[in-house]
N, C-alpha and C. Protein backbone atom coordinates (compact mmCIF):
# COMPACT_ATOMS: atom_id res chain seq x y z
N UNK A 1 133.24 266.20 340.71
CA UNK A 1 133.50 266.54 339.83
C UNK A 1 134.59 265.96 338.66
N UNK A 2 134.60 265.24 337.74
CA UNK A 2 135.60 264.82 336.90
C UNK A 2 136.43 265.37 336.32
N UNK A 3 137.80 265.45 336.57
CA UNK A 3 139.11 266.12 336.05
C UNK A 3 139.85 265.74 334.79
N UNK A 4 139.14 266.06 333.67
CA UNK A 4 139.35 265.49 332.64
C UNK A 4 140.91 266.09 332.06
N UNK A 5 141.65 264.97 331.35
CA UNK A 5 142.43 265.46 330.67
C UNK A 5 142.66 265.98 328.86
N UNK A 6 142.61 266.97 329.14
CA UNK A 6 142.00 267.10 327.52
C UNK A 6 143.22 266.83 326.22
N UNK A 7 144.45 266.77 327.01
CA UNK A 7 145.15 266.49 325.71
C UNK A 7 145.22 264.96 325.81
N UNK A 8 145.02 264.31 326.74
CA UNK A 8 144.89 262.56 326.44
C UNK A 8 143.82 262.06 325.23
N UNK A 9 143.86 260.89 325.19
CA UNK A 9 143.20 260.10 324.34
C UNK A 9 142.83 259.15 325.23
N UNK A 10 141.22 258.64 325.60
CA UNK A 10 140.56 257.63 326.37
C UNK A 10 140.47 256.67 325.39
N UNK A 11 140.51 255.56 325.89
CA UNK A 11 139.77 254.00 325.73
C UNK A 11 138.28 254.80 326.02
N UNK A 12 137.43 254.15 325.01
CA UNK A 12 135.77 253.85 325.53
C UNK A 12 135.81 253.66 327.04
N UNK A 13 136.39 252.43 326.80
CA UNK A 13 136.43 251.58 328.30
C UNK A 13 136.78 252.50 329.65
N UNK A 14 137.81 253.22 329.49
CA UNK A 14 138.08 254.31 330.15
C UNK A 14 137.39 255.45 330.47
N UNK A 15 136.93 255.83 329.69
CA UNK A 15 135.48 256.70 329.78
C UNK A 15 134.18 256.39 330.68
N UNK A 16 133.80 255.35 329.87
CA UNK A 16 132.69 254.16 330.32
C UNK A 16 132.76 254.09 332.21
N UNK A 17 134.00 253.72 332.29
CA UNK A 17 134.77 253.26 333.85
C UNK A 17 134.28 254.38 334.52
N UNK A 18 134.93 255.59 334.20
CA UNK A 18 135.23 256.85 334.82
C UNK A 18 133.77 257.73 334.87
N UNK A 19 132.89 257.31 333.91
CA UNK A 19 131.62 258.29 334.21
C UNK A 19 130.45 257.60 334.73
N UNK A 20 130.20 255.80 334.44
CA UNK A 20 129.20 255.02 335.38
C UNK A 20 130.54 253.84 336.34
N UNK A 21 131.07 254.06 337.29
CA UNK A 21 131.85 253.29 338.02
C UNK A 21 131.12 252.08 338.00
N UNK A 22 129.48 252.18 338.74
CA UNK A 22 128.91 251.25 339.34
C UNK A 22 128.38 249.80 338.12
N UNK A 23 128.63 250.42 336.95
CA UNK A 23 128.13 249.68 335.93
C UNK A 23 129.13 249.10 335.23
N UNK A 24 129.14 247.98 334.54
CA UNK A 24 129.67 247.38 333.47
C UNK A 24 130.22 248.45 332.01
N UNK A 25 131.29 247.88 331.71
CA UNK A 25 131.90 249.05 330.69
C UNK A 25 131.16 249.03 329.60
N UNK A 26 130.50 248.13 329.26
CA UNK A 26 130.14 247.81 327.82
C UNK A 26 128.98 248.67 328.17
N UNK A 27 128.02 247.93 328.94
CA UNK A 27 126.50 248.78 329.44
C UNK A 27 126.60 250.49 329.37
N UNK A 28 127.63 251.18 330.58
CA UNK A 28 128.02 252.34 330.61
C UNK A 28 127.98 252.75 329.08
N UNK A 29 129.12 251.70 328.46
CA UNK A 29 129.53 252.93 326.80
C UNK A 29 127.82 252.85 326.07
N UNK A 30 127.14 251.83 326.26
CA UNK A 30 125.85 251.70 325.52
C UNK A 30 124.88 252.82 325.77
N UNK A 31 125.45 253.39 327.56
CA UNK A 31 124.28 254.25 328.03
C UNK A 31 124.66 255.72 327.56
N UNK A 32 126.12 255.41 327.40
CA UNK A 32 126.57 256.92 327.03
C UNK A 32 126.09 257.16 325.94
N UNK A 33 126.28 256.07 324.56
CA UNK A 33 126.37 256.44 323.20
C UNK A 33 124.51 256.99 323.12
N UNK A 34 123.73 256.26 324.13
CA UNK A 34 122.42 256.88 324.12
C UNK A 34 121.94 257.94 324.38
N UNK A 35 122.42 258.35 325.45
CA UNK A 35 122.55 259.62 326.11
C UNK A 35 122.95 260.78 325.01
N UNK A 36 123.81 260.20 324.02
CA UNK A 36 124.40 261.55 323.38
C UNK A 36 124.23 261.60 321.86
N UNK A 37 122.64 260.56 321.59
CA UNK A 37 122.90 260.17 320.52
C UNK A 37 122.40 261.26 319.68
N UNK A 38 121.83 262.41 320.01
CA UNK A 38 121.18 263.54 319.10
C UNK A 38 122.70 264.33 319.16
N UNK A 39 123.87 263.95 319.13
CA UNK A 39 125.08 264.72 318.91
C UNK A 39 125.39 264.05 317.70
N UNK A 40 125.19 265.00 316.17
CA UNK A 40 125.83 264.11 314.92
C UNK A 40 127.04 263.80 314.93
N UNK A 41 127.95 265.14 315.69
CA UNK A 41 129.31 264.98 315.43
C UNK A 41 130.02 263.64 315.68
N UNK A 42 129.56 262.87 316.64
CA UNK A 42 129.82 261.59 317.10
C UNK A 42 129.40 259.90 316.55
N UNK A 43 128.38 260.16 315.66
CA UNK A 43 127.71 259.32 315.02
C UNK A 43 128.79 257.96 314.70
N UNK A 44 129.77 258.71 314.34
CA UNK A 44 131.07 257.97 313.47
C UNK A 44 131.59 257.36 314.74
N UNK A 45 131.82 257.93 315.71
CA UNK A 45 132.47 257.36 317.18
C UNK A 45 131.66 256.26 317.52
N UNK A 46 130.35 256.55 317.53
CA UNK A 46 129.36 255.12 318.52
C UNK A 46 129.32 253.74 317.88
N UNK A 47 129.64 254.53 315.86
CA UNK A 47 129.06 253.30 315.10
C UNK A 47 130.15 252.61 314.90
N UNK A 48 131.51 253.07 315.34
CA UNK A 48 132.86 252.41 314.97
C UNK A 48 133.07 251.49 315.33
N UNK A 49 133.93 251.01 315.33
CA UNK A 49 134.74 249.30 316.12
C UNK A 49 136.40 250.25 316.74
N UNK A 50 136.24 251.33 316.78
CA UNK A 50 137.40 252.43 317.22
C UNK A 50 137.43 252.33 318.40
N UNK A 51 138.56 252.07 319.25
CA UNK A 51 138.66 252.37 320.59
C UNK A 51 138.84 252.80 321.67
N UNK A 52 139.31 254.18 320.92
CA UNK A 52 139.66 255.40 321.42
C UNK A 52 139.01 256.35 321.08
N UNK A 53 138.69 257.41 321.99
CA UNK A 53 137.90 258.91 321.37
C UNK A 53 138.64 260.11 321.82
N UNK A 54 138.67 260.33 320.78
CA UNK A 54 139.72 261.78 320.63
C UNK A 54 139.13 262.91 321.63
N UNK A 55 140.36 263.99 322.17
CA UNK A 55 139.79 264.70 322.71
C UNK A 55 138.78 265.83 322.90
N UNK A 56 138.19 266.02 321.54
CA UNK A 56 137.31 267.01 320.96
C UNK A 56 136.06 266.16 321.26
N UNK A 57 135.88 264.96 320.77
CA UNK A 57 135.04 263.98 320.58
C UNK A 57 134.48 263.58 322.29
N UNK A 58 135.43 263.78 323.44
CA UNK A 58 135.31 263.77 324.63
C UNK A 58 134.52 265.15 325.22
N UNK A 59 134.87 266.17 324.64
CA UNK A 59 134.58 267.20 325.22
C UNK A 59 133.05 267.11 325.07
N UNK A 60 132.63 266.72 323.54
CA UNK A 60 131.12 267.07 323.37
C UNK A 60 130.40 266.29 324.41
N UNK A 61 131.13 264.57 324.18
CA UNK A 61 130.11 263.74 325.11
C UNK A 61 129.88 264.41 326.23
N UNK A 62 130.96 264.80 327.36
CA UNK A 62 130.96 265.60 328.58
C UNK A 62 129.80 266.28 328.60
N UNK A 63 130.08 267.44 327.58
CA UNK A 63 129.10 268.88 327.68
C UNK A 63 127.63 268.36 327.14
N UNK A 64 127.31 267.31 326.44
CA UNK A 64 126.16 266.25 326.30
C UNK A 64 125.77 265.99 327.53
N UNK A 65 126.50 264.97 328.35
CA UNK A 65 126.10 264.48 329.89
C UNK A 65 125.73 265.46 330.57
N UNK A 66 126.49 266.40 330.93
CA UNK A 66 126.40 267.76 331.46
C UNK A 66 124.57 268.58 331.10
N UNK A 67 124.36 268.31 330.00
CA UNK A 67 123.17 269.20 330.00
C UNK A 67 121.89 267.77 330.07
N UNK A 68 122.40 266.54 329.90
CA UNK A 68 121.36 265.58 330.49
C UNK A 68 121.02 265.33 331.77
N UNK A 69 122.11 265.95 332.59
CA UNK A 69 121.71 265.97 334.16
C UNK A 69 121.33 266.71 334.62
């Protein structure tokens, strides 16, 4: 189980590497965005060039990925 620091701002690359360490960072982030595409609150995150993910966005991602698995 991954221990997240909910007070920290992670980069998209860090999150991709933590969740899918066996994949390239770019492919892993694209996979995360596909798995979370139903999360309307994250559309801005996935469409933006921003490199970081806010803690509240990370919580939504982790919840969505846990429900997929």
